[in-house]
Amino acid sequence: MKISLITSFIPFGMAVAWILLPIQSIAQTPSKVSFYCGQTFDPNSNAIVPTTLVASSAKREPVALIQWKSKLSGKYTPQVRCNTVSAKFQQAWEAKRLNYLTAGLDKASGLGIICGVKELATPCNRSSMLFTLANGADANETLDRIRGIGKGNGGGPDPQSSGNSVVDIDWIIN
């Protein structure tokens, strides 16, 4: 009797293990992340604008990071900036050097910049720069608005038109 009871539980235990193994492997799969240029509605201008978005398998909907409204010189239209910066975000992510967003100053132009860095000790400079801010824009305030998106403050994407803040990218993605 004991032998038949034990032998009947062995297949049951194997079946449970077989079912649970895929669940465990799914839970350990890192989320797929994609930064891209899309479009969102800007209620201030009542227009559709180019927007850097991030999609993650951890979230149902993409998160709008930056609405591109300003033009930085003749050739840097909002659409060009969106395409260029979205690609820089994706490249930095794939190279595993986009753990944090930090603020800095481009010494050559005197404009604020936002950088993607792997470690907080990494300086925010041209080599880690993701984008330049419009003249007069404060880089720390920009990071504070992006951090608000991660907190779900509902402020929407940072409208990029005309203290040292840090944003943890995982917080926004997950």
C-alpha atoms as a PDB file:
ATOM      1  CA  MET A   1       0.000   0.000   0.000  1.00  0.00           C
ATOM      2  CA  LYS A   2       2.809   2.415   0.886  1.00  0.00           C
ATOM      3  CA  ILE A   3       4.614   1.639  -2.351  1.00  0.00           C
ATOM      4  CA  SER A   4       1.556   2.297  -4.524  1.00  0.00           C
ATOM      5  CA  LEU A   5       0.807   5.546  -2.656  1.00  0.00           C
ATOM      6  CA  ILE A   6       4.394   6.754  -3.147  1.00  0.00           C
ATOM      7  CA  THR A   7       4.470   5.738  -6.799  1.00  0.00           C
ATOM      8  CA  SER A   8       1.225   7.607  -7.446  1.00  0.00           C
ATOM      9  CA  PHE A   9       2.663  10.821  -5.933  1.00  0.00           C
ATOM     10  CA  ILE A  10       5.878  10.670  -7.962  1.00  0.00           C
ATOM     11  CA  PRO A  11       4.158  11.349 -11.318  1.00  0.00           C
ATOM     12  CA  PHE A  12       2.051  14.043  -9.649  1.00  0.00           C
ATOM     13  CA  GLY A  13       5.164  15.712  -8.240  1.00  0.00           C
ATOM     14  CA  MET A  14       6.889  15.521 -11.608  1.00  0.00           C
ATOM     15  CA  ALA A  15       3.841  17.098 -13.281  1.00  0.00           C
ATOM     16  CA  VAL A  16       3.806  19.970 -10.776  1.00  0.00           C
ATOM     17  CA  ALA A  17       7.547  20.521 -11.271  1.00  0.00           C
ATOM     18  CA  TRP A  18       7.091  20.420 -15.050  1.00  0.00           C
ATOM     19  CA  ILE A  19       4.375  23.083 -14.840  1.00  0.00           C
ATOM     20  CA  LEU A  20       6.289  25.323 -12.395  1.00  0.00           C
ATOM     21  CA  LEU A  21       9.602  25.263 -14.257  1.00  0.00           C
ATOM     22  CA  PRO A  22       8.386  27.493 -17.109  1.00  0.00           C
ATOM     23  CA  ILE A  23       6.879  29.944 -14.596  1.00  0.00           C
ATOM     24  CA  GLN A  24      10.183  30.225 -12.769  1.00  0.00           C
ATOM     25  CA  SER A  25      12.104  30.779 -16.005  1.00  0.00           C
ATOM     26  CA  ILE A  26       9.618  33.447 -17.102  1.00  0.00           C
ATOM     27  CA  ALA A  27      10.057  35.279 -13.803  1.00  0.00           C
ATOM     28  CA  GLN A  28      13.829  35.367 -14.317  1.00  0.00           C
ATOM     29  CA  THR A  29      13.652  36.636 -17.898  1.00  0.00           C
ATOM     30  CA  PRO A  30      14.754  40.284 -18.058  1.00  0.00           C
ATOM     31  CA  SER A  31      12.250  42.673 -19.557  1.00  0.00           C
ATOM     32  CA  LYS A  32      12.733  43.685 -23.182  1.00  0.00           C
ATOM     33  CA  VAL A  33      13.257  47.425 -23.467  1.00  0.00           C
ATOM     34  CA  SER A  34      12.914  49.603 -26.526  1.00  0.00           C
ATOM     35  CA  PHE A  35      13.471  53.355 -26.800  1.00  0.00           C
ATOM     36  CA  TYR A  36      11.970  54.884 -29.933  1.00  0.00           C
ATOM     37  CA  CYS A  37      10.588  58.050 -31.455  1.00  0.00           C
ATOM     38  CA  GLY A  38       6.810  58.163 -31.625  1.00  0.00           C
ATOM     39  CA  GLN A  39       4.160  60.843 -31.300  1.00  0.00           C
ATOM     40  CA  THR A  40       2.047  62.114 -28.425  1.00  0.00           C
ATOM     41  CA  PHE A  41      -0.526  64.842 -28.014  1.00  0.00           C
ATOM     42  CA  ASP A  42       0.615  68.097 -26.403  1.00  0.00           C
ATOM     43  CA  PRO A  43      -2.371  69.807 -24.771  1.00  0.00           C
ATOM     44  CA  ASN A  44      -0.480  73.126 -24.443  1.00  0.00           C
ATOM     45  CA  SER A  45      -0.067  73.530 -28.185  1.00  0.00           C
ATOM     46  CA  ASN A  46      -3.046  71.325 -29.129  1.00  0.00           C
ATOM     47  CA  ALA A  47      -0.763  69.422 -31.507  1.00  0.00           C
ATOM     48  CA  ILE A  48       0.816  66.027 -32.055  1.00  0.00           C
ATOM     49  CA  VAL A  49       4.564  66.221 -31.356  1.00  0.00           C
ATOM     50  CA  PRO A  50       7.540  63.873 -31.770  1.00  0.00           C
ATOM     51  CA  THR A  51       8.189  62.082 -28.465  1.00  0.00           C
ATOM     52  CA  THR A  52      10.897  59.802 -27.132  1.00  0.00           C
ATOM     53  CA  LEU A  53       9.083  56.769 -25.722  1.00  0.00           C
ATOM     54  CA  VAL A  54      10.256  53.696 -23.860  1.00  0.00           C
ATOM     55  CA  ALA A  55       8.427  50.394 -24.139  1.00  0.00           C
ATOM     56  CA  SER A  56       9.084  47.546 -21.764  1.00  0.00           C
ATOM     57  CA  SER A  57       7.663  44.075 -21.435  1.00  0.00           C
ATOM     58  CA  ALA A  58       7.215  44.998 -17.746  1.00  0.00           C
ATOM     59  CA  LYS A  59       4.570  47.645 -18.616  1.00  0.00           C
ATOM     60  CA  ARG A  60       1.447  47.533 -20.744  1.00  0.00           C
ATOM     61  CA  GLU A  61       1.864  50.933 -22.347  1.00  0.00           C
ATOM     62  CA  PRO A  62       4.981  52.793 -23.496  1.00  0.00           C
ATOM     63  CA  VAL A  63       6.140  55.655 -21.253  1.00  0.00           C
ATOM     64  CA  ALA A  64       6.585  59.076 -22.844  1.00  0.00           C
ATOM     65  CA  LEU A  65       9.902  60.568 -21.695  1.00  0.00           C
ATOM     66  CA  ILE A  66      10.475  63.705 -23.762  1.00  0.00           C
ATOM     67  CA  GLN A  67       8.257  65.712 -26.088  1.00  0.00           C
ATOM     68  CA  TRP A  68      10.398  67.442 -28.688  1.00  0.00           C
ATOM     69  CA  LYS A  69       9.076  70.929 -29.449  1.00  0.00           C
ATOM     70  CA  SER A  70      12.083  73.215 -29.792  1.00  0.00           C
ATOM     71  CA  LYS A  71      14.548  73.520 -32.621  1.00  0.00           C
ATOM     72  CA  LEU A  72      18.219  73.826 -31.628  1.00  0.00           C
ATOM     73  CA  SER A  73      19.524  75.184 -34.904  1.00  0.00           C
ATOM     74  CA  GLY A  74      18.600  74.958 -38.542  1.00  0.00           C
ATOM     75  CA  LYS A  75      19.000  71.211 -38.975  1.00  0.00           C
ATOM     76  CA  TYR A  76      17.889  70.015 -35.521  1.00  0.00           C
ATOM     77  CA  THR A  77      14.120  70.007 -35.915  1.00  0.00           C
ATOM     78  CA  PRO A  78      12.002  68.360 -33.222  1.00  0.00           C
ATOM     79  CA  GLN A  79      11.626  65.252 -35.414  1.00  0.00           C
ATOM     80  CA  VAL A  80      15.378  64.987 -36.039  1.00  0.00           C
ATOM     81  CA  ARG A  81      16.090  65.470 -32.316  1.00  0.00           C
ATOM     82  CA  CYS A  82      13.529  62.815 -31.399  1.00  0.00           C
ATOM     83  CA  ASN A  83      14.975  60.280 -33.849  1.00  0.00           C
ATOM     84  CA  THR A  84      18.566  61.006 -32.837  1.00  0.00           C
ATOM     85  CA  VAL A  85      18.055  61.021 -29.080  1.00  0.00           C
ATOM     86  CA  SER A  86      15.778  57.967 -29.071  1.00  0.00           C
ATOM     87  CA  ALA A  87      18.495  56.052 -30.943  1.00  0.00           C
ATOM     88  CA  LYS A  88      21.122  57.259 -28.415  1.00  0.00           C
ATOM     89  CA  PHE A  89      18.955  55.995 -25.540  1.00  0.00           C
ATOM     90  CA  GLN A  90      18.608  52.602 -27.251  1.00  0.00           C
ATOM     91  CA  GLN A  91      22.334  52.338 -28.010  1.00  0.00           C
ATOM     92  CA  ALA A  92      23.253  53.230 -24.426  1.00  0.00           C
ATOM     93  CA  TRP A  93      20.729  50.676 -23.124  1.00  0.00           C
ATOM     94  CA  GLU A  94      22.042  47.890 -25.358  1.00  0.00           C
ATOM     95  CA  ALA A  95      25.634  48.725 -24.376  1.00  0.00           C
ATOM     96  CA  LYS A  96      24.564  48.358 -20.711  1.00  0.00           C
ATOM     97  CA  ARG A  97      25.619  51.890 -19.856  1.00  0.00           C
ATOM     98  CA  LEU A  98      22.203  53.401 -19.179  1.00  0.00           C
ATOM     99  CA  ASN A  99      21.471  52.746 -15.523  1.00  0.00           C
ATOM    100  CA  TYR A 100      21.030  56.397 -14.575  1.00  0.00           C
ATOM    101  CA  LEU A 101      20.264  59.755 -16.116  1.00  0.00           C
ATOM    102  CA  THR A 102      22.403  62.588 -14.781  1.00  0.00           C
ATOM    103  CA  ALA A 103      22.661  66.301 -15.462  1.00  0.00           C
ATOM    104  CA  GLY A 104      25.675  68.249 -16.595  1.00  0.00           C
ATOM    105  CA  LEU A 105      26.947  71.193 -18.566  1.00  0.00           C
ATOM    106  CA  ASP A 106      28.502  71.119 -22.021  1.00  0.00           C
ATOM    107  CA  LYS A 107      31.583  73.288 -21.532  1.00  0.00           C
ATOM    108  CA  ALA A 108      31.894  74.091 -25.235  1.00  0.00           C
ATOM    109  CA  SER A 109      28.358  75.458 -25.677  1.00  0.00           C
ATOM    110  CA  GLY A 110      27.486  76.343 -22.093  1.00  0.00           C
ATOM    111  CA  LEU A 111      24.192  74.453 -22.458  1.00  0.00           C
ATOM    112  CA  GLY A 112      22.782  71.922 -20.035  1.00  0.00           C
ATOM    113  CA  ILE A 113      23.027  68.275 -21.029  1.00  0.00           C
ATOM    114  CA  ILE A 114      21.423  65.025 -19.933  1.00  0.00           C
ATOM    115  CA  CYS A 115      23.664  61.971 -19.808  1.00  0.00           C
ATOM    116  CA  GLY A 116      23.178  58.242 -19.545  1.00  0.00           C
ATOM    117  CA  VAL A 117      25.677  56.557 -17.227  1.00  0.00           C
ATOM    118  CA  LYS A 118      26.294  53.076 -15.877  1.00  0.00           C
ATOM    119  CA  GLU A 119      27.592  54.234 -12.485  1.00  0.00           C
ATOM    120  CA  LEU A 120      26.937  57.432 -10.573  1.00  0.00           C
ATOM    121  CA  ALA A 121      30.673  58.172 -10.423  1.00  0.00           C
ATOM    122  CA  THR A 122      30.727  58.477 -14.246  1.00  0.00           C
ATOM    123  CA  PRO A 123      30.948  62.152 -15.258  1.00  0.00           C
ATOM    124  CA  CYS A 124      28.211  63.727 -17.350  1.00  0.00           C
ATOM    125  CA  ASN A 125      30.101  65.008 -20.382  1.00  0.00           C
ATOM    126  CA  ARG A 126      30.046  64.749 -24.179  1.00  0.00           C
ATOM    127  CA  SER A 127      30.981  61.046 -24.149  1.00  0.00           C
ATOM    128  CA  SER A 128      27.964  60.091 -21.988  1.00  0.00           C
ATOM    129  CA  MET A 129      25.610  62.776 -23.319  1.00  0.00           C
ATOM    130  CA  LEU A 130      22.178  61.735 -24.602  1.00  0.00           C
ATOM    131  CA  PHE A 131      20.908  65.215 -25.459  1.00  0.00           C
ATOM    132  CA  THR A 132      21.486  68.936 -25.105  1.00  0.00           C
ATOM    133  CA  LEU A 133      18.875  71.179 -23.543  1.00  0.00           C
ATOM    134  CA  ALA A 134      17.469  74.300 -25.096  1.00  0.00           C
ATOM    135  CA  ASN A 135      19.176  77.546 -24.125  1.00  0.00           C
ATOM    136  CA  GLY A 136      18.159  78.566 -20.611  1.00  0.00           C
ATOM    137  CA  ALA A 137      16.733  75.159 -19.637  1.00  0.00           C
ATOM    138  CA  ASP A 138      17.913  73.786 -16.301  1.00  0.00           C
ATOM    139  CA  ALA A 139      19.245  70.209 -16.503  1.00  0.00           C
ATOM    140  CA  ASN A 140      18.377  69.368 -12.892  1.00  0.00           C
ATOM    141  CA  GLU A 141      14.787  70.572 -13.357  1.00  0.00           C
ATOM    142  CA  THR A 142      14.540  68.453 -16.500  1.00  0.00           C
ATOM    143  CA  LEU A 143      15.673  65.371 -14.574  1.00  0.00           C
ATOM    144  CA  ASP A 144      13.187  66.172 -11.807  1.00  0.00           C
ATOM    145  CA  ARG A 145      10.357  66.169 -14.383  1.00  0.00           C
ATOM    146  CA  ILE A 146      11.578  62.866 -15.848  1.00  0.00           C
ATOM    147  CA  ARG A 147      11.778  61.411 -12.327  1.00  0.00           C
ATOM    148  CA  GLY A 148       8.147  62.507 -11.857  1.00  0.00           C
ATOM    149  CA  ILE A 149       7.158  60.322 -14.808  1.00  0.00           C
ATOM    150  CA  GLY A 150       8.669  57.319 -13.034  1.00  0.00           C
ATOM    151  CA  LYS A 151       6.744  58.182  -9.869  1.00  0.00           C
ATOM    152  CA  GLY A 152       3.532  58.312 -11.880  1.00  0.00           C
ATOM    153  CA  ASN A 153       2.976  61.984 -11.108  1.00  0.00           C
ATOM    154  CA  GLY A 154       0.978  62.277 -14.284  1.00  0.00           C
ATOM    155  CA  GLY A 155       2.945  65.277 -15.443  1.00  0.00           C
ATOM    156  CA  GLY A 156       3.499  63.555 -18.762  1.00  0.00           C
ATOM    157  CA  PRO A 157       6.726  63.628 -20.680  1.00  0.00           C
ATOM    158  CA  ASP A 158       9.277  66.344 -20.170  1.00  0.00           C
ATOM    159  CA  PRO A 159       8.340  69.192 -22.524  1.00  0.00           C
ATOM    160  CA  GLN A 160      11.756  69.995 -23.992  1.00  0.00           C
ATOM    161  CA  SER A 161      11.225  73.496 -25.355  1.00  0.00           C
ATOM    162  CA  SER A 162      12.968  76.484 -24.660  1.00  0.00           C
ATOM    163  CA  GLY A 163      21.455  70.462  -7.029  1.00  0.00           C
ATOM    164  CA  ASN A 164      22.514  67.288  -8.885  1.00  0.00           C
ATOM    165  CA  SER A 165      19.563  65.157  -9.897  1.00  0.00           C
ATOM    166  CA  VAL A 166      19.752  61.494 -10.804  1.00  0.00           C
ATOM    167  CA  VAL A 167      17.082  59.283 -12.335  1.00  0.00           C
ATOM    168  CA  ASP A 168      17.223  55.502 -12.028  1.00  0.00           C
ATOM    169  CA  ILE A 169      16.136  54.190 -15.454  1.00  0.00           C
ATOM    170  CA  ASP A 170      14.918  50.869 -14.029  1.00  0.00           C
ATOM    171  CA  TRP A 171      12.430  52.823 -11.956  1.00  0.00           C
ATOM    172  CA  ILE A 172      10.833  54.255 -15.088  1.00  0.00           C
ATOM    173  CA  ILE A 173      10.995  51.042 -17.108  1.00  0.00           C
ATOM    174  CA  ASN A 174       9.620  48.731 -14.441  1.00  0.00           C
END
